Amino acid sequence: MNKKDLVGKIAQKADITKALATKCVDSLVGCIQEALAKGDGVQLVGFGTFQTVKKAARAGRNPQNGKAIKIPARTVPKFKAGKTLKDAVQ
């Protein structure tokens, strides 16, 4: 399912226009991005938790030539599914 499909499904289930559903999806994604950029987590009970994780610097290899490279430390987003979502998928 892509964004267009998701927007269509939300519009149908909530009995709203696709334009309004698009605004809702964009707002949700934007709010989650803003929270993660600030270092905050977002917990949606029953669905899951969005959070950031710090990855340490490490040594790696360039797959094209095999030379060692330094991979810098960085912060990456992480999603952990909630119990309700896990149970629904099984």
PDB file of N, CA and C in Angstrom:
ATOM      1  N   MET A   1       0.857  -1.175   0.000  1.00  0.00           N
ATOM      2  CA  MET A   1       0.000   0.000   0.000  1.00  0.00           C
ATOM      3  C   MET A   1       0.902   1.237   0.000  1.00  0.00           C
ATOM      4  N   ASN A   2       0.643   2.154  -0.911  1.00  0.00           N
ATOM      5  CA  ASN A   2       1.408   3.389  -0.939  1.00  0.00           C
ATOM      6  C   ASN A   2       0.568   4.527  -0.339  1.00  0.00           C
ATOM      7  N   LYS A   3       1.109   5.740  -0.360  1.00  0.00           N
ATOM      8  CA  LYS A   3       0.424   6.875   0.265  1.00  0.00           C
ATOM      9  C   LYS A   3      -0.942   7.123  -0.381  1.00  0.00           C
ATOM     10  N   LYS A   4      -1.007   7.036  -1.700  1.00  0.00           N
ATOM     11  CA  LYS A   4      -2.270   7.280  -2.405  1.00  0.00           C
ATOM     12  C   LYS A   4      -3.332   6.276  -1.963  1.00  0.00           C
ATOM     13  N   ASP A   5      -2.947   5.010  -1.854  1.00  0.00           N
ATOM     14  CA  ASP A   5      -3.883   3.974  -1.406  1.00  0.00           C
ATOM     15  C   ASP A   5      -4.335   4.225   0.029  1.00  0.00           C
ATOM     16  N   LEU A   6      -3.387   4.604   0.877  1.00  0.00           N
ATOM     17  CA  LEU A   6      -3.698   4.882   2.281  1.00  0.00           C
ATOM     18  C   LEU A   6      -4.671   6.047   2.406  1.00  0.00           C
ATOM     19  N   VAL A   7      -4.418   7.111   1.663  1.00  0.00           N
ATOM     20  CA  VAL A   7      -5.303   8.276   1.688  1.00  0.00           C
ATOM     21  C   VAL A   7      -6.707   7.882   1.232  1.00  0.00           C
ATOM     22  N   GLY A   8      -6.804   7.098   0.181  1.00  0.00           N
ATOM     23  CA  GLY A   8      -8.106   6.642  -0.311  1.00  0.00           C
ATOM     24  C   GLY A   8      -8.850   5.822   0.721  1.00  0.00           C
ATOM     25  N   LYS A   9      -8.133   4.937   1.397  1.00  0.00           N
ATOM     26  CA  LYS A   9      -8.747   4.077   2.417  1.00  0.00           C
ATOM     27  C   LYS A   9      -9.229   4.902   3.613  1.00  0.00           C
ATOM     28  N   ILE A  10      -8.416   5.876   4.038  1.00  0.00           N
ATOM     29  CA  ILE A  10      -8.797   6.741   5.161  1.00  0.00           C
ATOM     30  C   ILE A  10     -10.020   7.568   4.784  1.00  0.00           C
ATOM     31  N   ALA A  11     -10.019   8.135   3.580  1.00  0.00           N
ATOM     32  CA  ALA A  11     -11.149   8.945   3.124  1.00  0.00           C
ATOM     33  C   ALA A  11     -12.434   8.120   3.115  1.00  0.00           C
ATOM     34  N   GLN A  12     -12.342   6.882   2.672  1.00  0.00           N
ATOM     35  CA  GLN A  12     -13.509   6.007   2.613  1.00  0.00           C
ATOM     36  C   GLN A  12     -14.002   5.647   4.013  1.00  0.00           C
ATOM     37  N   LYS A  13     -13.083   5.241   4.896  1.00  0.00           N
ATOM     38  CA  LYS A  13     -13.480   4.803   6.237  1.00  0.00           C
ATOM     39  C   LYS A  13     -13.996   5.953   7.101  1.00  0.00           C
ATOM     40  N   ALA A  14     -13.403   7.144   6.950  1.00  0.00           N
ATOM     41  CA  ALA A  14     -13.803   8.286   7.767  1.00  0.00           C
ATOM     42  C   ALA A  14     -14.898   9.113   7.099  1.00  0.00           C
ATOM     43  N   ASP A  15     -15.286   8.740   5.889  1.00  0.00           N
ATOM     44  CA  ASP A  15     -16.299   9.462   5.119  1.00  0.00           C
ATOM     45  C   ASP A  15     -15.936  10.940   4.968  1.00  0.00           C
ATOM     46  N   ILE A  16     -14.690  11.174   4.503  1.00  0.00           N
ATOM     47  CA  ILE A  16     -14.197  12.526   4.250  1.00  0.00           C
ATOM     48  C   ILE A  16     -13.617  12.572   2.844  1.00  0.00           C
ATOM     49  N   THR A  17     -13.281  13.771   2.391  1.00  0.00           N
ATOM     50  CA  THR A  17     -12.710  13.905   1.050  1.00  0.00           C
ATOM     51  C   THR A  17     -11.265  13.426   1.049  1.00  0.00           C
ATOM     52  N   LYS A  18     -10.786  13.086  -0.139  1.00  0.00           N
ATOM     53  CA  LYS A  18      -9.390  12.660  -0.266  1.00  0.00           C
ATOM     54  C   LYS A  18      -8.449  13.810   0.061  1.00  0.00           C
ATOM     55  N   ALA A  19      -8.848  15.036  -0.248  1.00  0.00           N
ATOM     56  CA  ALA A  19      -8.007  16.206   0.053  1.00  0.00           C
ATOM     57  C   ALA A  19      -7.824  16.341   1.560  1.00  0.00           C
ATOM     58  N   LEU A  20      -8.900  16.172   2.317  1.00  0.00           N
ATOM     59  CA  LEU A  20      -8.811  16.265   3.775  1.00  0.00           C
ATOM     60  C   LEU A  20      -8.004  15.090   4.335  1.00  0.00           C
ATOM     61  N   ALA A  21      -8.192  13.911   3.786  1.00  0.00           N
ATOM     62  CA  ALA A  21      -7.429  12.745   4.240  1.00  0.00           C
ATOM     63  C   ALA A  21      -5.941  12.934   3.954  1.00  0.00           C
ATOM     64  N   THR A  22      -5.611  13.531   2.809  1.00  0.00           N
ATOM     65  CA  THR A  22      -4.206  13.811   2.477  1.00  0.00           C
ATOM     66  C   THR A  22      -3.611  14.774   3.490  1.00  0.00           C
ATOM     67  N   LYS A  23      -4.373  15.810   3.858  1.00  0.00           N
ATOM     68  CA  LYS A  23      -3.909  16.762   4.872  1.00  0.00           C
ATOM     69  C   LYS A  23      -3.647  16.059   6.197  1.00  0.00           C
ATOM     70  N   CYS A  24      -4.526  15.150   6.563  1.00  0.00           N
ATOM     71  CA  CYS A  24      -4.380  14.408   7.822  1.00  0.00           C
ATOM     72  C   CYS A  24      -3.130  13.540   7.816  1.00  0.00           C
ATOM     73  N   VAL A  25      -2.913  12.811   6.736  1.00  0.00           N
ATOM     74  CA  VAL A  25      -1.737  11.943   6.636  1.00  0.00           C
ATOM     75  C   VAL A  25      -0.461  12.782   6.658  1.00  0.00           C
ATOM     76  N   ASP A  26      -0.449  13.867   5.875  1.00  0.00           N
ATOM     77  CA  ASP A  26       0.729  14.742   5.839  1.00  0.00           C
ATOM     78  C   ASP A  26       0.998  15.366   7.207  1.00  0.00           C
ATOM     79  N   SER A  27      -0.064  15.753   7.916  1.00  0.00           N
ATOM     80  CA  SER A  27       0.095  16.339   9.246  1.00  0.00           C
ATOM     81  C   SER A  27       0.666  15.323  10.230  1.00  0.00           C
ATOM     82  N   LEU A  28       0.153  14.106  10.183  1.00  0.00           N
ATOM     83  CA  LEU A  28       0.640  13.048  11.074  1.00  0.00           C
ATOM     84  C   LEU A  28       2.123  12.786  10.845  1.00  0.00           C
ATOM     85  N   VAL A  29       2.499  12.612   9.581  1.00  0.00           N
ATOM     86  CA  VAL A  29       3.898  12.337   9.247  1.00  0.00           C
ATOM     87  C   VAL A  29       4.774  13.520   9.648  1.00  0.00           C
ATOM     88  N   GLY A  30       4.300  14.734   9.394  1.00  0.00           N
ATOM     89  CA  GLY A  30       5.052  15.935   9.752  1.00  0.00           C
ATOM     90  C   GLY A  30       5.264  16.064  11.250  1.00  0.00           C
ATOM     91  N   CYS A  31       4.233  15.781  12.025  1.00  0.00           N
ATOM     92  CA  CYS A  31       4.345  15.849  13.487  1.00  0.00           C
ATOM     93  C   CYS A  31       5.321  14.814  14.028  1.00  0.00           C
ATOM     94  N   ILE A  32       5.289  13.620  13.469  1.00  0.00           N
ATOM     95  CA  ILE A  32       6.224  12.573  13.892  1.00  0.00           C
ATOM     96  C   ILE A  32       7.652  12.981  13.540  1.00  0.00           C
ATOM     97  N   GLN A  33       7.864  13.529  12.349  1.00  0.00           N
ATOM     98  CA  GLN A  33       9.201  13.981  11.944  1.00  0.00           C
ATOM     99  C   GLN A  33       9.711  15.083  12.857  1.00  0.00           C
ATOM    100  N   GLU A  34       8.860  16.049  13.185  1.00  0.00           N
ATOM    101  CA  GLU A  34       9.266  17.150  14.066  1.00  0.00           C
ATOM    102  C   GLU A  34       9.664  16.633  15.444  1.00  0.00           C
ATOM    103  N   ALA A  35       8.866  15.713  15.984  1.00  0.00           N
ATOM    104  CA  ALA A  35       9.162  15.164  17.309  1.00  0.00           C
ATOM    105  C   ALA A  35      10.494  14.416  17.303  1.00  0.00           C
ATOM    106  N   LEU A  36      10.718  13.593  16.277  1.00  0.00           N
ATOM    107  CA  LEU A  36      11.963  12.837  16.196  1.00  0.00           C
ATOM    108  C   LEU A  36      13.158  13.763  15.993  1.00  0.00           C
ATOM    109  N   ALA A  37      12.976  14.834  15.223  1.00  0.00           N
ATOM    110  CA  ALA A  37      14.064  15.786  14.997  1.00  0.00           C
ATOM    111  C   ALA A  37      14.469  16.465  16.302  1.00  0.00           C
ATOM    112  N   LYS A  38      13.517  16.647  17.213  1.00  0.00           N
ATOM    113  CA  LYS A  38      13.808  17.246  18.520  1.00  0.00           C
ATOM    114  C   LYS A  38      14.357  16.228  19.514  1.00  0.00           C
ATOM    115  N   GLY A  39      14.331  14.967  19.139  1.00  0.00           N
ATOM    116  CA  GLY A  39      14.819  13.914  20.035  1.00  0.00           C
ATOM    117  C   GLY A  39      13.727  13.301  20.887  1.00  0.00           C
ATOM    118  N   ASP A  40      12.485  13.694  20.646  1.00  0.00           N
ATOM    119  CA  ASP A  40      11.355  13.129  21.386  1.00  0.00           C
ATOM    120  C   ASP A  40      10.863  11.870  20.696  1.00  0.00           C
ATOM    121  N   GLY A  41      10.193  11.025  21.445  1.00  0.00           N
ATOM    122  CA  GLY A  41       9.581   9.837  20.874  1.00  0.00           C
ATOM    123  C   GLY A  41       8.092  10.067  20.688  1.00  0.00           C
ATOM    124  N   VAL A  42       7.459   9.246  19.857  1.00  0.00           N
ATOM    125  CA  VAL A  42       6.016   9.313  19.647  1.00  0.00           C
ATOM    126  C   VAL A  42       5.466   7.919  19.906  1.00  0.00           C
ATOM    127  N   GLN A  43       4.557   7.824  20.887  1.00  0.00           N
ATOM    128  CA  GLN A  43       3.981   6.530  21.237  1.00  0.00           C
ATOM    129  C   GLN A  43       2.499   6.528  20.885  1.00  0.00           C
ATOM    130  N   LEU A  44       2.105   5.613  20.016  1.00  0.00           N
ATOM    131  CA  LEU A  44       0.706   5.418  19.655  1.00  0.00           C
ATOM    132  C   LEU A  44       0.293   4.074  20.251  1.00  0.00           C
ATOM    133  N   VAL A  45      -0.411   4.125  21.368  1.00  0.00           N
ATOM    134  CA  VAL A  45      -0.758   2.922  22.115  1.00  0.00           C
ATOM    135  C   VAL A  45      -1.498   1.943  21.214  1.00  0.00           C
ATOM    136  N   GLY A  46      -1.039   0.713  21.204  1.00  0.00           N
ATOM    137  CA  GLY A  46      -1.633  -0.337  20.393  1.00  0.00           C
ATOM    138  C   GLY A  46      -1.034  -0.425  18.998  1.00  0.00           C
ATOM    139  N   PHE A  47      -0.425   0.663  18.519  1.00  0.00           N
ATOM    140  CA  PHE A  47       0.180   0.656  17.189  1.00  0.00           C
ATOM    141  C   PHE A  47       1.684   0.491  17.284  1.00  0.00           C
ATOM    142  N   GLY A  48       2.344   1.417  18.001  1.00  0.00           N
ATOM    143  CA  GLY A  48       3.786   1.303  18.141  1.00  0.00           C
ATOM    144  C   GLY A  48       4.427   2.590  18.609  1.00  0.00           C
ATOM    145  N   THR A  49       5.749   2.575  18.661  1.00  0.00           N
ATOM    146  CA  THR A  49       6.523   3.705  19.150  1.00  0.00           C
ATOM    147  C   THR A  49       7.581   4.093  18.131  1.00  0.00           C
ATOM    148  N   PHE A  50       7.636   5.384  17.826  1.00  0.00           N
ATOM    149  CA  PHE A  50       8.683   5.949  16.985  1.00  0.00           C
ATOM    150  C   PHE A  50       9.683   6.604  17.920  1.00  0.00           C
ATOM    151  N   GLN A  51      10.965   6.333  17.724  1.00  0.00           N
ATOM    152  CA  GLN A  51      12.001   6.950  18.546  1.00  0.00           C
ATOM    153  C   GLN A  51      13.290   7.065  17.750  1.00  0.00           C
ATOM    154  N   THR A  52      14.257   7.776  18.323  1.00  0.00           N
ATOM    155  CA  THR A  52      15.554   7.889  17.665  1.00  0.00           C
ATOM    156  C   THR A  52      16.578   7.074  18.438  1.00  0.00           C
ATOM    157  N   VAL A  53      17.554   6.556  17.715  1.00  0.00           N
ATOM    158  CA  VAL A  53      18.621   5.750  18.301  1.00  0.00           C
ATOM    159  C   VAL A  53      19.952   6.296  17.799  1.00  0.00           C
ATOM    160  N   LYS A  54      20.912   6.427  18.718  1.00  0.00           N
ATOM    161  CA  LYS A  54      22.240   6.893  18.324  1.00  0.00           C
ATOM    162  C   LYS A  54      23.100   5.706  17.928  1.00  0.00           C
ATOM    163  N   LYS A  55      23.662   5.777  16.741  1.00  0.00           N
ATOM    164  CA  LYS A  55      24.570   4.738  16.245  1.00  0.00           C
ATOM    165  C   LYS A  55      25.997   5.254  16.415  1.00  0.00           C
ATOM    166  N   ALA A  56      26.843   4.459  16.981  1.00  0.00           N
ATOM    167  CA  ALA A  56      28.238   4.849  17.206  1.00  0.00           C
ATOM    168  C   ALA A  56      29.023   4.828  15.890  1.00  0.00           C
ATOM    169  N   ALA A  57      30.092   5.592  15.878  1.00  0.00           N
ATOM    170  CA  ALA A  57      30.994   5.563  14.716  1.00  0.00           C
ATOM    171  C   ALA A  57      31.620   4.169  14.633  1.00  0.00           C
ATOM    172  N   ARG A  58      31.894   3.747  13.415  1.00  0.00           N
ATOM    173  CA  ARG A  58      32.476   2.418  13.250  1.00  0.00           C
ATOM    174  C   ARG A  58      33.290   2.366  11.966  1.00  0.00           C
ATOM    175  N   ALA A  59      34.059   1.323  11.844  1.00  0.00           N
ATOM    176  CA  ALA A  59      34.852   1.102  10.632  1.00  0.00           C
ATOM    177  C   ALA A  59      34.039   0.220   9.694  1.00  0.00           C
ATOM    178  N   GLY A  60      34.134   0.494   8.407  1.00  0.00           N
ATOM    179  CA  GLY A  60      33.428  -0.301   7.414  1.00  0.00           C
ATOM    180  C   GLY A  60      34.307  -0.520   6.202  1.00  0.00           C
ATOM    181  N   ARG A  61      33.755  -1.129   5.184  1.00  0.00           N
ATOM    182  CA  ARG A  61      34.503  -1.381   3.951  1.00  0.00           C
ATOM    183  C   ARG A  61      33.692  -0.883   2.764  1.00  0.00           C
ATOM    184  N   ASN A  62      34.388  -0.279   1.816  1.00  0.00           N
ATOM    185  CA  ASN A  62      33.779   0.127   0.561  1.00  0.00           C
ATOM    186  C   ASN A  62      33.597  -1.138  -0.269  1.00  0.00           C
ATOM    187  N   PRO A  63      32.354  -1.511  -0.615  1.00  0.00           N
ATOM    188  CA  PRO A  63      32.142  -2.766  -1.342  1.00  0.00           C
ATOM    189  C   PRO A  63      32.715  -2.759  -2.762  1.00  0.00           C
ATOM    190  N   GLN A  64      32.943  -1.579  -3.337  1.00  0.00           N
ATOM    191  CA  GLN A  64      33.472  -1.521  -4.697  1.00  0.00           C
ATOM    192  C   GLN A  64      34.956  -1.827  -4.767  1.00  0.00           C
ATOM    193  N   ASN A  65      35.714  -1.319  -3.767  1.00  0.00           N
ATOM    194  CA  ASN A  65      37.162  -1.531  -3.842  1.00  0.00           C
ATOM    195  C   ASN A  65      37.762  -2.210  -2.605  1.00  0.00           C
ATOM    196  N   GLY A  66      36.955  -2.476  -1.589  1.00  0.00           N
ATOM    197  CA  GLY A  66      37.433  -3.187  -0.411  1.00  0.00           C
ATOM    198  C   GLY A  66      38.227  -2.350   0.570  1.00  0.00           C
ATOM    199  N   LYS A  67      38.395  -1.047   0.310  1.00  0.00           N
ATOM    200  CA  LYS A  67      39.168  -0.194   1.212  1.00  0.00           C
ATOM    201  C   LYS A  67      38.378   0.108   2.483  1.00  0.00           C
ATOM    202  N   ALA A  68      39.099   0.230   3.590  1.00  0.00           N
ATOM    203  CA  ALA A  68      38.475   0.562   4.871  1.00  0.00           C
ATOM    204  C   ALA A  68      38.015   2.019   4.848  1.00  0.00           C
ATOM    205  N   ILE A  69      36.820   2.257   5.400  1.00  0.00           N
ATOM    206  CA  ILE A  69      36.303   3.615   5.517  1.00  0.00           C
ATOM    207  C   ILE A  69      35.788   3.831   6.931  1.00  0.00           C
ATOM    208  N   LYS A  70      35.708   5.084   7.346  1.00  0.00           N
ATOM    209  CA  LYS A  70      35.145   5.421   8.650  1.00  0.00           C
ATOM    210  C   LYS A  70      33.692   5.828   8.445  1.00  0.00           C
ATOM    211  N   ILE A  71      32.802   5.181   9.157  1.00  0.00           N
ATOM    212  CA  ILE A  71      31.388   5.526   9.115  1.00  0.00           C
ATOM    213  C   ILE A  71      31.118   6.374  10.352  1.00  0.00           C
ATOM    214  N   PRO A  72      30.697   7.637  10.179  1.00  0.00           N
ATOM    215  CA  PRO A  72      30.527   8.534  11.324  1.00  0.00           C
ATOM    216  C   PRO A  72      29.327   8.150  12.191  1.00  0.00           C
ATOM    217  N   ALA A  73      29.355   8.641  13.428  1.00  0.00           N
ATOM    218  CA  ALA A  73      28.223   8.440  14.331  1.00  0.00           C
ATOM    219  C   ALA A  73      27.018   9.198  13.776  1.00  0.00           C
ATOM    220  N   ARG A  74      25.835   8.675  14.046  1.00  0.00           N
ATOM    221  CA  ARG A  74      24.626   9.340  13.553  1.00  0.00           C
ATOM    222  C   ARG A  74      23.417   8.923  14.381  1.00  0.00           C
ATOM    223  N   THR A  75      22.363   9.665  14.221  1.00  0.00           N
ATOM    224  CA  THR A  75      21.102   9.360  14.879  1.00  0.00           C
ATOM    225  C   THR A  75      20.120   8.913  13.809  1.00  0.00           C
ATOM    226  N   VAL A  76      19.459   7.778  14.046  1.00  0.00           N
ATOM    227  CA  VAL A  76      18.533   7.221  13.059  1.00  0.00           C
ATOM    228  C   VAL A  76      17.159   6.976  13.696  1.00  0.00           C
ATOM    229  N   PRO A  77      16.089   7.057  12.898  1.00  0.00           N
ATOM    230  CA  PRO A  77      14.762   6.761  13.435  1.00  0.00           C
ATOM    231  C   PRO A  77      14.559   5.252  13.581  1.00  0.00           C
ATOM    232  N   LYS A  78      13.722   4.883  14.551  1.00  0.00           N
ATOM    233  CA  LYS A  78      13.432   3.475  14.807  1.00  0.00           C
ATOM    234  C   LYS A  78      11.950   3.348  15.127  1.00  0.00           C
ATOM    235  N   PHE A  79      11.328   2.275  14.666  1.00  0.00           N
ATOM    236  CA  PHE A  79       9.930   1.996  14.979  1.00  0.00           C
ATOM    237  C   PHE A  79       9.839   0.650  15.662  1.00  0.00           C
ATOM    238  N   LYS A  80       9.105   0.608  16.772  1.00  0.00           N
ATOM    239  CA  LYS A  80       8.870  -0.651  17.473  1.00  0.00           C
ATOM    240  C   LYS A  80       7.367  -0.889  17.503  1.00  0.00           C
ATOM    241  N   ALA A  81       6.929  -1.984  16.916  1.00  0.00           N
ATOM    242  CA  ALA A  81       5.499  -2.293  16.840  1.00  0.00           C
ATOM    243  C   ALA A  81       4.932  -2.605  18.210  1.00  0.00           C
ATOM    244  N   GLY A  82       3.702  -2.164  18.451  1.00  0.00           N
ATOM    245  CA  GLY A  82       2.996  -2.451  19.692  1.00  0.00           C
ATOM    246  C   GLY A  82       2.363  -3.838  19.661  1.00  0.00           C
ATOM    247  N   LYS A  83       1.908  -4.278  20.820  1.00  0.00           N
ATOM    248  CA  LYS A  83       1.354  -5.625  20.940  1.00  0.00           C
ATOM    249  C   LYS A  83       0.125  -5.829  20.056  1.00  0.00           C
ATOM    250  N   THR A  84      -0.758  -4.842  20.011  1.00  0.00           N
ATOM    251  CA  THR A  84      -1.973  -4.973  19.198  1.00  0.00           C
ATOM    252  C   THR A  84      -1.631  -5.140  17.720  1.00  0.00           C
ATOM    253  N   LEU A  85      -0.672  -4.370  17.246  1.00  0.00           N
ATOM    254  CA  LEU A  85      -0.237  -4.475  15.848  1.00  0.00           C
ATOM    255  C   LEU A  85       0.422  -5.825  15.582  1.00  0.00           C
ATOM    256  N   LYS A  86       1.274  -6.256  16.495  1.00  0.00           N
ATOM    257  CA  LYS A  86       1.926  -7.562  16.336  1.00  0.00           C
ATOM    258  C   LYS A  86       0.888  -8.693  16.267  1.00  0.00           C
ATOM    259  N   ASP A  87      -0.105  -8.622  17.163  1.00  0.00           N
ATOM    260  CA  ASP A  87      -1.138  -9.664  17.187  1.00  0.00           C
ATOM    261  C   ASP A  87      -1.979  -9.650  15.914  1.00  0.00           C
ATOM    262  N   ALA A  88      -2.231  -8.471  15.369  1.00  0.00           N
ATOM    263  CA  ALA A  88      -3.040  -8.351  14.155  1.00  0.00           C
ATOM    264  C   ALA A  88      -2.321  -8.924  12.942  1.00  0.00           C
ATOM    265  N   VAL A  89      -1.004  -8.848  12.942  1.00  0.00           N
ATOM    266  CA  VAL A  89      -0.221  -9.319  11.801  1.00  0.00           C
ATOM    267  C   VAL A  89      -0.047 -10.840  11.817  1.00  0.00           C
ATOM    268  N   GLN A  90      -0.045 -11.427  12.967  1.00  0.00           N
ATOM    269  CA  GLN A  90       0.199 -12.875  13.063  1.00  0.00           C
ATOM    270  C   GLN A  90      -0.903 -13.684  12.501  1.00  0.00           C
TER     271      GLN A  90
END
